[in-house]
Amino acid sequence: MSCLGKDKEKQVELKSGTIQLVSNHPFAGLDHEDPYQHLSVFYALANSLGASEADEEAGFVRLFQHSLIGKAREWYLDQPPSVMNDWNALEKAFQERFFPDHRHMDTKTAIAMFAQGSDESLCEAWERYKSLLRKCPKHGFDDTTQIHMFRGGLLPEPKLILDAAAHDPLMALSPKDVVDIINKMSLND
């Protein structure tokens, strides 16, 4: 057999069940949608392909279009073949289009300026803060800074409760220990 007849890349088989799963969790490109959340769900579903690590990106490229509808689908169809056939380029272009720099900066500012609402419980504030972090995974804040910003945005009473639960100044503990305390306190909130 001639080498000319062979595909350069091995085609990953897309199972109809996987396509259906991905199609059931579409991204339309609307302002309220979170592109990072979409990618997280997409990765979780696409991993059901059972492709080897070497073939995984080829599977992502072929499957991603099935996760898009509306203006996101139109955007995808306007991409040059060089982007459509390279998972890293496609993922980067998707993030740049649907999570542009101004949106990134707005979310990063919301993290840095976090403040607990007057009617918000510690649990609700913690969940909202973690949601902000998930929506901006490239925020650039290290774990200690994240904890400082969260604690700094709390109302006085939850700060005192967290410090008391720590049996030391809260910020003297490791970020992991602080998160464990906040998680335990949130469960009892």
N, C-alpha and C. Protein backbone atom coordinates (compact mmCIF):
# COMPACT_ATOMS: atom_id res chain seq x y z
N MET A 1 0.85 -1.18 0.00
CA MET A 1 0.00 0.00 0.00
C MET A 1 0.89 1.23 0.00
N SER A 2 0.50 2.21 -0.72
CA SER A 2 1.25 3.45 -0.85
C SER A 2 1.05 4.33 0.38
N CYS A 3 2.08 5.05 0.75
CA CYS A 3 1.99 6.01 1.87
C CYS A 3 1.04 7.14 1.55
N LEU A 4 0.82 7.40 0.26
CA LEU A 4 -0.06 8.49 -0.13
C LEU A 4 -1.50 8.23 0.28
N GLY A 5 -1.86 7.00 0.41
CA GLY A 5 -3.24 6.66 0.75
C GLY A 5 -3.53 6.72 2.23
N LYS A 6 -2.49 6.89 3.05
CA LYS A 6 -2.69 6.91 4.50
C LYS A 6 -2.93 8.32 4.99
N ASP A 7 -3.79 8.43 5.97
CA ASP A 7 -4.00 9.72 6.62
C ASP A 7 -2.79 10.02 7.49
N LYS A 8 -2.42 11.30 7.57
CA LYS A 8 -1.32 11.68 8.43
C LYS A 8 -1.69 11.47 9.90
N GLU A 9 -2.93 11.74 10.25
CA GLU A 9 -3.38 11.57 11.62
C GLU A 9 -4.36 10.43 11.70
N LYS A 10 -4.27 9.68 12.78
CA LYS A 10 -5.23 8.62 13.01
C LYS A 10 -6.56 9.26 13.42
N GLN A 11 -7.64 8.82 12.84
CA GLN A 11 -8.95 9.36 13.17
C GLN A 11 -9.48 8.68 14.43
N VAL A 12 -9.88 9.46 15.40
CA VAL A 12 -10.46 8.95 16.63
C VAL A 12 -11.94 8.72 16.36
N GLU A 13 -12.40 7.54 16.72
CA GLU A 13 -13.82 7.22 16.49
C GLU A 13 -14.68 7.99 17.49
N LEU A 14 -15.66 8.72 16.95
CA LEU A 14 -16.60 9.42 17.80
C LEU A 14 -17.85 8.57 17.93
N LYS A 15 -18.15 8.18 19.15
CA LYS A 15 -19.34 7.37 19.39
C LYS A 15 -20.55 8.28 19.47
N SER A 16 -21.67 7.80 18.95
CA SER A 16 -22.87 8.63 18.93
C SER A 16 -23.30 9.04 20.33
N GLY A 17 -23.08 8.18 21.31
CA GLY A 17 -23.43 8.51 22.69
C GLY A 17 -22.61 9.68 23.22
N THR A 18 -21.33 9.72 22.86
CA THR A 18 -20.46 10.81 23.30
C THR A 18 -20.88 12.11 22.62
N ILE A 19 -21.17 12.02 21.33
CA ILE A 19 -21.64 13.22 20.61
C ILE A 19 -22.92 13.73 21.23
N GLN A 20 -23.82 12.83 21.57
CA GLN A 20 -25.10 13.22 22.18
C GLN A 20 -24.87 13.88 23.54
N LEU A 21 -23.98 13.30 24.35
CA LEU A 21 -23.67 13.89 25.66
C LEU A 21 -23.15 15.31 25.51
N VAL A 22 -22.20 15.50 24.59
CA VAL A 22 -21.61 16.82 24.37
C VAL A 22 -22.67 17.78 23.83
N SER A 23 -23.50 17.31 22.92
CA SER A 23 -24.56 18.15 22.34
C SER A 23 -25.59 18.58 23.37
N ASN A 24 -25.76 17.78 24.42
CA ASN A 24 -26.73 18.10 25.47
C ASN A 24 -26.22 19.19 26.42
N HIS A 25 -24.96 19.60 26.26
CA HIS A 25 -24.37 20.65 27.10
C HIS A 25 -23.77 21.71 26.19
N PRO A 26 -24.62 22.42 25.44
CA PRO A 26 -24.12 23.35 24.43
C PRO A 26 -23.69 24.70 25.00
N PHE A 27 -22.84 25.34 24.24
CA PHE A 27 -22.40 26.70 24.54
C PHE A 27 -22.84 27.57 23.37
N ALA A 28 -23.60 28.63 23.66
CA ALA A 28 -24.14 29.48 22.60
C ALA A 28 -23.36 30.78 22.43
N GLY A 29 -22.46 31.08 23.36
CA GLY A 29 -21.70 32.32 23.26
C GLY A 29 -22.43 33.52 23.82
N LEU A 30 -23.44 33.29 24.66
CA LEU A 30 -24.18 34.39 25.26
C LEU A 30 -23.38 35.00 26.41
N ASP A 31 -23.61 36.27 26.69
CA ASP A 31 -22.82 37.00 27.68
C ASP A 31 -22.82 36.35 29.06
N HIS A 32 -23.93 35.75 29.45
CA HIS A 32 -24.01 35.18 30.79
C HIS A 32 -23.34 33.81 30.89
N GLU A 33 -22.97 33.22 29.76
CA GLU A 33 -22.36 31.89 29.79
C GLU A 33 -20.88 31.97 30.15
N ASP A 34 -20.42 30.95 30.83
CA ASP A 34 -19.04 30.89 31.28
C ASP A 34 -18.25 29.95 30.37
N PRO A 35 -17.35 30.47 29.55
CA PRO A 35 -16.61 29.61 28.62
C PRO A 35 -15.68 28.63 29.33
N TYR A 36 -15.15 29.00 30.50
CA TYR A 36 -14.29 28.08 31.23
C TYR A 36 -15.10 26.91 31.80
N GLN A 37 -16.29 27.20 32.26
CA GLN A 37 -17.18 26.13 32.74
C GLN A 37 -17.53 25.20 31.58
N HIS A 38 -17.78 25.79 30.41
CA HIS A 38 -18.09 24.97 29.24
C HIS A 38 -16.93 24.05 28.91
N LEU A 39 -15.71 24.59 28.94
CA LEU A 39 -14.55 23.75 28.64
C LEU A 39 -14.38 22.65 29.69
N SER A 40 -14.65 22.95 30.95
CA SER A 40 -14.55 21.92 32.00
C SER A 40 -15.52 20.79 31.75
N VAL A 41 -16.76 21.14 31.43
CA VAL A 41 -17.77 20.12 31.14
C VAL A 41 -17.39 19.36 29.87
N PHE A 42 -16.93 20.10 28.86
CA PHE A 42 -16.52 19.47 27.61
C PHE A 42 -15.42 18.44 27.86
N TYR A 43 -14.40 18.81 28.62
CA TYR A 43 -13.31 17.88 28.91
C TYR A 43 -13.83 16.64 29.65
N ALA A 44 -14.70 16.85 30.61
CA ALA A 44 -15.24 15.71 31.36
C ALA A 44 -15.99 14.75 30.43
N LEU A 45 -16.79 15.31 29.53
CA LEU A 45 -17.55 14.47 28.62
C LEU A 45 -16.67 13.86 27.54
N ALA A 46 -15.74 14.63 27.02
CA ALA A 46 -14.88 14.15 25.93
C ALA A 46 -13.95 13.04 26.40
N ASN A 47 -13.65 13.00 27.67
CA ASN A 47 -12.79 11.94 28.18
C ASN A 47 -13.44 10.57 28.08
N SER A 48 -14.75 10.55 27.82
CA SER A 48 -15.43 9.26 27.65
C SER A 48 -15.13 8.65 26.29
N LEU A 49 -14.37 9.35 25.44
CA LEU A 49 -13.97 8.79 24.15
C LEU A 49 -13.12 7.54 24.33
N GLY A 50 -12.38 7.49 25.39
CA GLY A 50 -11.49 6.36 25.61
C GLY A 50 -10.28 6.39 24.69
N ALA A 51 -9.96 7.55 24.15
CA ALA A 51 -8.81 7.67 23.25
C ALA A 51 -7.53 7.68 24.05
N SER A 52 -6.47 7.22 23.42
CA SER A 52 -5.16 7.28 24.06
C SER A 52 -4.77 8.75 24.20
N GLU A 53 -3.81 9.01 25.06
CA GLU A 53 -3.39 10.40 25.27
C GLU A 53 -2.90 11.03 23.97
N ALA A 54 -2.24 10.22 23.16
CA ALA A 54 -1.72 10.73 21.88
C ALA A 54 -2.84 11.13 20.93
N ASP A 55 -3.98 10.44 21.00
CA ASP A 55 -5.10 10.71 20.09
C ASP A 55 -6.15 11.64 20.69
N GLU A 56 -5.98 11.97 21.96
CA GLU A 56 -6.99 12.74 22.68
C GLU A 56 -7.29 14.09 22.01
N GLU A 57 -6.25 14.85 21.65
CA GLU A 57 -6.47 16.17 21.07
C GLU A 57 -7.19 16.09 19.73
N ALA A 58 -6.89 15.06 18.95
CA ALA A 58 -7.60 14.88 17.68
C ALA A 58 -9.09 14.63 17.95
N GLY A 59 -9.39 13.91 19.00
CA GLY A 59 -10.78 13.68 19.39
C GLY A 59 -11.46 14.96 19.84
N PHE A 60 -10.73 15.78 20.61
CA PHE A 60 -11.28 17.06 21.06
C PHE A 60 -11.63 17.94 19.86
N VAL A 61 -10.72 17.99 18.88
CA VAL A 61 -10.94 18.81 17.69
C VAL A 61 -12.21 18.39 16.98
N ARG A 62 -12.39 17.10 16.80
CA ARG A 62 -13.56 16.60 16.06
C ARG A 62 -14.85 16.74 16.86
N LEU A 63 -14.76 16.67 18.17
CA LEU A 63 -15.96 16.68 19.01
C LEU A 63 -16.43 18.08 19.40
N PHE A 64 -15.49 19.03 19.47
CA PHE A 64 -15.82 20.36 20.01
C PHE A 64 -16.95 21.04 19.26
N GLN A 65 -16.98 20.91 17.95
CA GLN A 65 -18.03 21.57 17.17
C GLN A 65 -19.43 21.13 17.60
N HIS A 66 -19.54 19.92 18.14
CA HIS A 66 -20.85 19.41 18.57
C HIS A 66 -21.30 20.04 19.89
N SER A 67 -20.41 20.78 20.54
CA SER A 67 -20.76 21.42 21.81
C SER A 67 -21.18 22.87 21.63
N LEU A 68 -21.20 23.34 20.38
CA LEU A 68 -21.48 24.74 20.11
C LEU A 68 -22.79 24.92 19.36
N ILE A 69 -23.51 25.98 19.73
CA ILE A 69 -24.74 26.35 19.02
C ILE A 69 -24.76 27.86 18.85
N GLY A 70 -25.70 28.35 18.08
CA GLY A 70 -25.90 29.79 17.93
C GLY A 70 -24.68 30.54 17.46
N LYS A 71 -24.42 31.69 18.09
CA LYS A 71 -23.30 32.52 17.63
C LYS A 71 -21.95 31.85 17.90
N ALA A 72 -21.87 30.95 18.88
CA ALA A 72 -20.62 30.21 19.11
C ALA A 72 -20.36 29.26 17.94
N ARG A 73 -21.40 28.65 17.44
CA ARG A 73 -21.26 27.75 16.27
C ARG A 73 -20.85 28.57 15.04
N GLU A 74 -21.45 29.73 14.86
CA GLU A 74 -21.08 30.61 13.74
C GLU A 74 -19.62 31.02 13.84
N TRP A 75 -19.19 31.35 15.06
CA TRP A 75 -17.79 31.71 15.27
C TRP A 75 -16.89 30.55 14.84
N TYR A 76 -17.24 29.35 15.29
CA TYR A 76 -16.44 28.16 14.97
C TYR A 76 -16.32 27.97 13.46
N LEU A 77 -17.43 28.10 12.76
CA LEU A 77 -17.43 27.89 11.30
C LEU A 77 -16.60 28.94 10.56
N ASP A 78 -16.36 30.08 11.18
CA ASP A 78 -15.54 31.14 10.57
C ASP A 78 -14.05 30.96 10.82
N GLN A 79 -13.67 29.94 11.59
CA GLN A 79 -12.26 29.75 11.91
C GLN A 79 -11.51 29.14 10.72
N PRO A 80 -10.26 29.55 10.53
CA PRO A 80 -9.46 28.96 9.44
C PRO A 80 -9.13 27.50 9.77
N PRO A 81 -8.89 26.69 8.76
CA PRO A 81 -8.55 25.28 9.00
C PRO A 81 -7.38 25.09 9.96
N SER A 82 -6.43 25.99 9.93
CA SER A 82 -5.27 25.85 10.84
C SER A 82 -5.71 25.90 12.30
N VAL A 83 -6.77 26.62 12.61
CA VAL A 83 -7.30 26.68 13.97
C VAL A 83 -8.22 25.50 14.22
N MET A 84 -9.08 25.20 13.27
CA MET A 84 -10.05 24.11 13.44
C MET A 84 -9.39 22.74 13.61
N ASN A 85 -8.17 22.60 13.12
CA ASN A 85 -7.50 21.30 13.15
C ASN A 85 -6.41 21.20 14.22
N ASP A 86 -6.28 22.20 15.06
CA ASP A 86 -5.26 22.21 16.11
C ASP A 86 -5.96 22.53 17.43
N TRP A 87 -6.05 21.54 18.32
CA TRP A 87 -6.82 21.71 19.54
C TRP A 87 -6.30 22.90 20.36
N ASN A 88 -5.00 23.03 20.54
CA ASN A 88 -4.47 24.13 21.36
C ASN A 88 -4.84 25.48 20.76
N ALA A 89 -4.74 25.61 19.45
CA ALA A 89 -5.11 26.87 18.79
C ALA A 89 -6.61 27.11 18.90
N LEU A 90 -7.40 26.07 18.76
CA LEU A 90 -8.86 26.20 18.85
C LEU A 90 -9.29 26.61 20.25
N GLU A 91 -8.73 25.95 21.24
CA GLU A 91 -9.07 26.28 22.62
C GLU A 91 -8.68 27.72 22.95
N LYS A 92 -7.49 28.14 22.53
CA LYS A 92 -7.03 29.51 22.77
C LYS A 92 -7.93 30.52 22.06
N ALA A 93 -8.28 30.26 20.80
CA ALA A 93 -9.15 31.18 20.05
C ALA A 93 -10.52 31.26 20.71
N PHE A 94 -11.04 30.14 21.18
CA PHE A 94 -12.33 30.10 21.88
C PHE A 94 -12.29 30.97 23.13
N GLN A 95 -11.24 30.82 23.93
CA GLN A 95 -11.11 31.60 25.16
C GLN A 95 -10.97 33.09 24.85
N GLU A 96 -10.18 33.41 23.84
CA GLU A 96 -10.00 34.82 23.49
C GLU A 96 -11.30 35.45 23.00
N ARG A 97 -12.09 34.68 22.26
CA ARG A 97 -13.35 35.22 21.72
C ARG A 97 -14.42 35.37 22.80
N PHE A 98 -14.55 34.36 23.65
CA PHE A 98 -15.67 34.35 24.59
C PHE A 98 -15.29 34.74 26.02
N PHE A 99 -14.01 34.97 26.27
CA PHE A 99 -13.57 35.51 27.55
C PHE A 99 -12.46 36.51 27.25
N PRO A 100 -12.83 37.63 26.60
CA PRO A 100 -11.82 38.61 26.18
C PRO A 100 -11.16 39.30 27.38
N ASP A 101 -10.10 40.04 27.09
CA ASP A 101 -9.30 40.68 28.13
C ASP A 101 -10.14 41.53 29.09
N HIS A 102 -11.09 42.31 28.56
CA HIS A 102 -11.87 43.19 29.46
C HIS A 102 -12.70 42.36 30.43
N ARG A 103 -13.22 41.23 29.98
CA ARG A 103 -14.02 40.37 30.87
C ARG A 103 -13.11 39.72 31.91
N HIS A 104 -11.91 39.34 31.46
CA HIS A 104 -10.92 38.77 32.38
C HIS A 104 -10.58 39.78 33.47
N MET A 105 -10.34 41.02 33.07
CA MET A 105 -9.98 42.06 34.04
C MET A 105 -11.14 42.37 34.98
N ASP A 106 -12.35 42.38 34.48
CA ASP A 106 -13.52 42.61 35.33
C ASP A 106 -13.64 41.52 36.40
N THR A 107 -13.44 40.28 35.99
CA THR A 107 -13.55 39.16 36.93
C THR A 107 -12.39 39.18 37.92
N LYS A 108 -11.19 39.48 37.44
CA LYS A 108 -10.03 39.57 38.32
C LYS A 108 -10.22 40.68 39.35
N THR A 109 -10.79 41.79 38.93
CA THR A 109 -11.08 42.90 39.85
C THR A 109 -12.13 42.47 40.89
N ALA A 110 -13.14 41.72 40.44
CA ALA A 110 -14.16 41.24 41.37
C ALA A 110 -13.55 40.32 42.43
N ILE A 111 -12.56 39.54 42.05
CA ILE A 111 -11.87 38.68 43.02
C ILE A 111 -11.10 39.54 44.01
N ALA A 112 -10.34 40.48 43.49
CA ALA A 112 -9.50 41.33 44.34
C ALA A 112 -10.32 42.23 45.27
N MET A 113 -11.51 42.63 44.82
CA MET A 113 -12.35 43.54 45.60
C MET A 113 -13.50 42.81 46.30
N PHE A 114 -13.36 41.52 46.47
CA PHE A 114 -14.43 40.71 47.06
C PHE A 114 -14.91 41.29 48.38
N ALA A 115 -16.22 41.31 48.56
CA ALA A 115 -16.82 41.76 49.83
C ALA A 115 -18.07 40.92 50.10
N GLN A 116 -18.15 40.43 51.31
CA GLN A 116 -19.32 39.67 51.73
C GLN A 116 -20.52 40.60 51.82
N GLY A 117 -21.65 40.15 51.29
CA GLY A 117 -22.87 40.93 51.36
C GLY A 117 -23.44 40.94 52.77
N SER A 118 -24.17 41.98 53.11
CA SER A 118 -24.71 42.10 54.47
C SER A 118 -25.67 40.98 54.84
N ASP A 119 -26.37 40.43 53.86
CA ASP A 119 -27.30 39.33 54.11
C ASP A 119 -26.73 37.98 53.68
N GLU A 120 -25.45 37.94 53.41
CA GLU A 120 -24.82 36.73 52.88
C GLU A 120 -24.13 35.96 54.00
N SER A 121 -24.41 34.68 54.09
CA SER A 121 -23.77 33.84 55.10
C SER A 121 -22.32 33.56 54.69
N LEU A 122 -21.54 33.05 55.61
CA LEU A 122 -20.16 32.69 55.31
C LEU A 122 -20.13 31.65 54.19
N CYS A 123 -21.02 30.69 54.26
CA CYS A 123 -21.10 29.64 53.23
C CYS A 123 -21.39 30.25 51.86
N GLU A 124 -22.35 31.13 51.80
CA GLU A 124 -22.71 31.77 50.53
C GLU A 124 -21.57 32.63 49.99
N ALA A 125 -20.90 33.34 50.90
CA ALA A 125 -19.78 34.18 50.48
C ALA A 125 -18.64 33.31 49.95
N TRP A 126 -18.36 32.21 50.63
CA TRP A 126 -17.29 31.30 50.22
C TRP A 126 -17.61 30.68 48.86
N GLU A 127 -18.84 30.25 48.66
CA GLU A 127 -19.23 29.66 47.37
C GLU A 127 -19.14 30.69 46.25
N ARG A 128 -19.56 31.92 46.53
CA ARG A 128 -19.48 32.97 45.51
C ARG A 128 -18.02 33.29 45.18
N TYR A 129 -17.17 33.33 46.20
CA TYR A 129 -15.75 33.61 45.98
C TYR A 129 -15.11 32.50 45.15
N LYS A 130 -15.39 31.25 45.48
CA LYS A 130 -14.83 30.13 44.71
C LYS A 130 -15.33 30.16 43.26
N SER A 131 -16.57 30.57 43.08
CA SER A 131 -17.12 30.70 41.74
C SER A 131 -16.37 31.75 40.93
N LEU A 132 -16.05 32.87 41.57
CA LEU A 132 -15.26 33.91 40.89
C LEU A 132 -13.90 33.36 40.46
N LEU A 133 -13.27 32.60 41.33
CA LEU A 133 -11.96 32.02 41.01
C LEU A 133 -12.07 31.05 39.83
N ARG A 134 -13.14 30.24 39.82
CA ARG A 134 -13.33 29.29 38.71
C ARG A 134 -13.58 30.02 37.39
N LYS A 135 -14.27 31.14 37.45
CA LYS A 135 -14.59 31.88 36.23
C LYS A 135 -13.38 32.60 35.64
N CYS A 136 -12.32 32.67 36.40
CA CYS A 136 -11.12 33.37 35.94
C CYS A 136 -9.89 32.55 36.34
N PRO A 137 -9.70 31.38 35.73
CA PRO A 137 -8.62 30.49 36.18
C PRO A 137 -7.22 31.06 35.98
N LYS A 138 -7.08 32.06 35.15
CA LYS A 138 -5.76 32.66 34.93
C LYS A 138 -5.63 34.00 35.67
N HIS A 139 -6.24 34.07 36.87
CA HIS A 139 -6.24 35.31 37.65
C HIS A 139 -4.85 35.69 38.15
N GLY A 140 -3.98 34.74 38.38
CA GLY A 140 -2.61 35.03 38.78
C GLY A 140 -2.40 35.24 40.27
N PHE A 141 -3.42 35.06 41.09
CA PHE A 141 -3.28 35.23 42.54
C PHE A 141 -2.84 33.91 43.15
N ASP A 142 -1.77 33.94 43.95
CA ASP A 142 -1.34 32.70 44.61
C ASP A 142 -2.32 32.37 45.73
N ASP A 143 -2.17 31.16 46.31
CA ASP A 143 -3.13 30.69 47.32
C ASP A 143 -3.21 31.61 48.53
N THR A 144 -2.06 32.09 49.00
CA THR A 144 -2.05 32.97 50.17
C THR A 144 -2.79 34.28 49.88
N THR A 145 -2.54 34.84 48.72
CA THR A 145 -3.21 36.09 48.33
C THR A 145 -4.72 35.87 48.22
N GLN A 146 -5.12 34.75 47.66
CA GLN A 146 -6.56 34.45 47.54
C GLN A 146 -7.21 34.41 48.92
N ILE A 147 -6.56 33.77 49.88
CA ILE A 147 -7.09 33.68 51.24
C ILE A 147 -7.15 35.07 51.88
N HIS A 148 -6.11 35.86 51.70
CA HIS A 148 -6.10 37.23 52.24
C HIS A 148 -7.27 38.04 51.67
N MET A 149 -7.49 37.94 50.37
CA MET A 149 -8.57 38.72 49.75
C MET A 149 -9.93 38.25 50.26
N PHE A 150 -10.11 36.94 50.41
CA PHE A 150 -11.39 36.45 50.91
C PHE A 150 -11.62 36.92 52.34
N ARG A 151 -10.63 36.69 53.21
CA ARG A 151 -10.78 37.09 54.61
C ARG A 151 -10.97 38.60 54.72
N GLY A 152 -10.22 39.36 53.93
CA GLY A 152 -10.33 40.81 53.96
C GLY A 152 -11.71 41.31 53.55
N GLY A 153 -12.41 40.54 52.75
CA GLY A 153 -13.73 40.96 52.29
C GLY A 153 -14.87 40.51 53.19
N LEU A 154 -14.54 39.77 54.24
CA LEU A 154 -15.59 39.29 55.14
C LEU A 154 -16.04 40.38 56.10
N LEU A 155 -17.25 40.25 56.56
CA LEU A 155 -17.78 41.12 57.61
C LEU A 155 -17.04 40.81 58.92
N PRO A 156 -17.04 41.71 59.88
CA PRO A 156 -16.26 41.50 61.12
C PRO A 156 -16.59 40.21 61.87
N GLU A 157 -17.86 39.87 61.99
CA GLU A 157 -18.23 38.69 62.77
C GLU A 157 -17.68 37.39 62.16
N PRO A 158 -17.86 37.13 60.86
CA PRO A 158 -17.27 35.91 60.30
C PRO A 158 -15.74 35.87 60.41
N LYS A 159 -15.08 37.04 60.34
CA LYS A 159 -13.62 37.08 60.53
C LYS A 159 -13.26 36.58 61.93
N LEU A 160 -13.98 37.09 62.94
CA LEU A 160 -13.70 36.68 64.32
C LEU A 160 -13.96 35.19 64.51
N ILE A 161 -15.03 34.70 63.92
CA ILE A 161 -15.37 33.28 64.05
C ILE A 161 -14.29 32.41 63.41
N LEU A 162 -13.81 32.81 62.23
CA LEU A 162 -12.75 32.05 61.57
C LEU A 162 -11.46 32.09 62.37
N ASP A 163 -11.11 33.26 62.90
CA ASP A 163 -9.90 33.35 63.72
C ASP A 163 -10.02 32.48 64.97
N ALA A 164 -11.18 32.46 65.59
CA ALA A 164 -11.39 31.62 66.77
C ALA A 164 -11.29 30.14 66.41
N ALA A 165 -11.83 29.77 65.27
CA ALA A 165 -11.78 28.37 64.83
C ALA A 165 -10.35 27.93 64.52
N ALA A 166 -9.50 28.88 64.14
CA ALA A 166 -8.12 28.57 63.78
C ALA A 166 -7.24 28.38 65.02
N HIS A 167 -7.68 28.87 66.20
CA HIS A 167 -6.90 28.82 67.44
C HIS A 167 -5.58 29.57 67.32
N ASP A 168 -5.40 30.29 66.28
CA ASP A 168 -4.22 31.12 65.99
C ASP A 168 -4.72 32.21 65.06
N PRO A 169 -3.90 33.22 64.80
CA PRO A 169 -4.33 34.12 63.73
C PRO A 169 -4.50 33.30 62.44
N LEU A 170 -5.63 33.46 61.80
CA LEU A 170 -5.97 32.65 60.63
C LEU A 170 -4.86 32.70 59.58
N MET A 171 -4.30 33.86 59.36
CA MET A 171 -3.32 34.02 58.30
C MET A 171 -1.95 33.46 58.67
N ALA A 172 -1.79 32.96 59.90
CA ALA A 172 -0.53 32.31 60.28
C ALA A 172 -0.51 30.86 59.81
N LEU A 173 -1.67 30.36 59.40
CA LEU A 173 -1.78 28.97 58.94
C LEU A 173 -1.47 28.87 57.45
N SER A 174 -1.25 27.65 56.99
CA SER A 174 -1.02 27.43 55.56
C SER A 174 -2.34 27.65 54.82
N PRO A 175 -2.26 28.02 53.54
CA PRO A 175 -3.50 28.19 52.76
C PRO A 175 -4.39 26.95 52.79
N LYS A 176 -3.79 25.76 52.74
CA LYS A 176 -4.59 24.52 52.77
C LYS A 176 -5.35 24.40 54.09
N ASP A 177 -4.67 24.70 55.21
CA ASP A 177 -5.33 24.63 56.52
C ASP A 177 -6.45 25.67 56.63
N VAL A 178 -6.21 26.85 56.09
CA VAL A 178 -7.24 27.90 56.12
C VAL A 178 -8.46 27.45 55.31
N VAL A 179 -8.22 26.90 54.12
CA VAL A 179 -9.34 26.43 53.29
C VAL A 179 -10.11 25.33 54.02
N ASP A 180 -9.40 24.43 54.69
CA ASP A 180 -10.08 23.37 55.46
C ASP A 180 -10.98 23.97 56.54
N ILE A 181 -10.47 24.98 57.24
CA ILE A 181 -11.26 25.63 58.29
C ILE A 181 -12.48 26.33 57.68
N ILE A 182 -12.28 27.05 56.59
CA ILE A 182 -13.39 27.75 55.95
C ILE A 182 -14.43 26.75 55.47
N ASN A 183 -14.00 25.66 54.89
CA ASN A 183 -14.93 24.63 54.43
C ASN A 183 -15.73 24.05 55.59
N LYS A 184 -15.06 23.75 56.73
CA LYS A 184 -15.76 23.21 57.90
C LYS A 184 -16.75 24.23 58.45
N MET A 185 -16.31 25.48 58.54
CA MET A 185 -17.20 26.52 59.06
C MET A 185 -18.40 26.74 58.13
N SER A 186 -18.16 26.63 56.84
CA SER A 186 -19.24 26.82 55.87
C SER A 186 -20.30 25.73 56.01
N LEU A 187 -19.86 24.52 56.32
CA LEU A 187 -20.81 23.42 56.50
C LEU A 187 -21.72 23.66 57.71
N ASN A 188 -21.19 24.33 58.71
CA ASN A 188 -21.96 24.60 59.94
C ASN A 188 -22.68 25.94 59.90
N ASP A 189 -22.53 26.66 58.82
CA ASP A 189 -23.08 28.01 58.70
C ASP A 189 -24.59 27.97 58.61
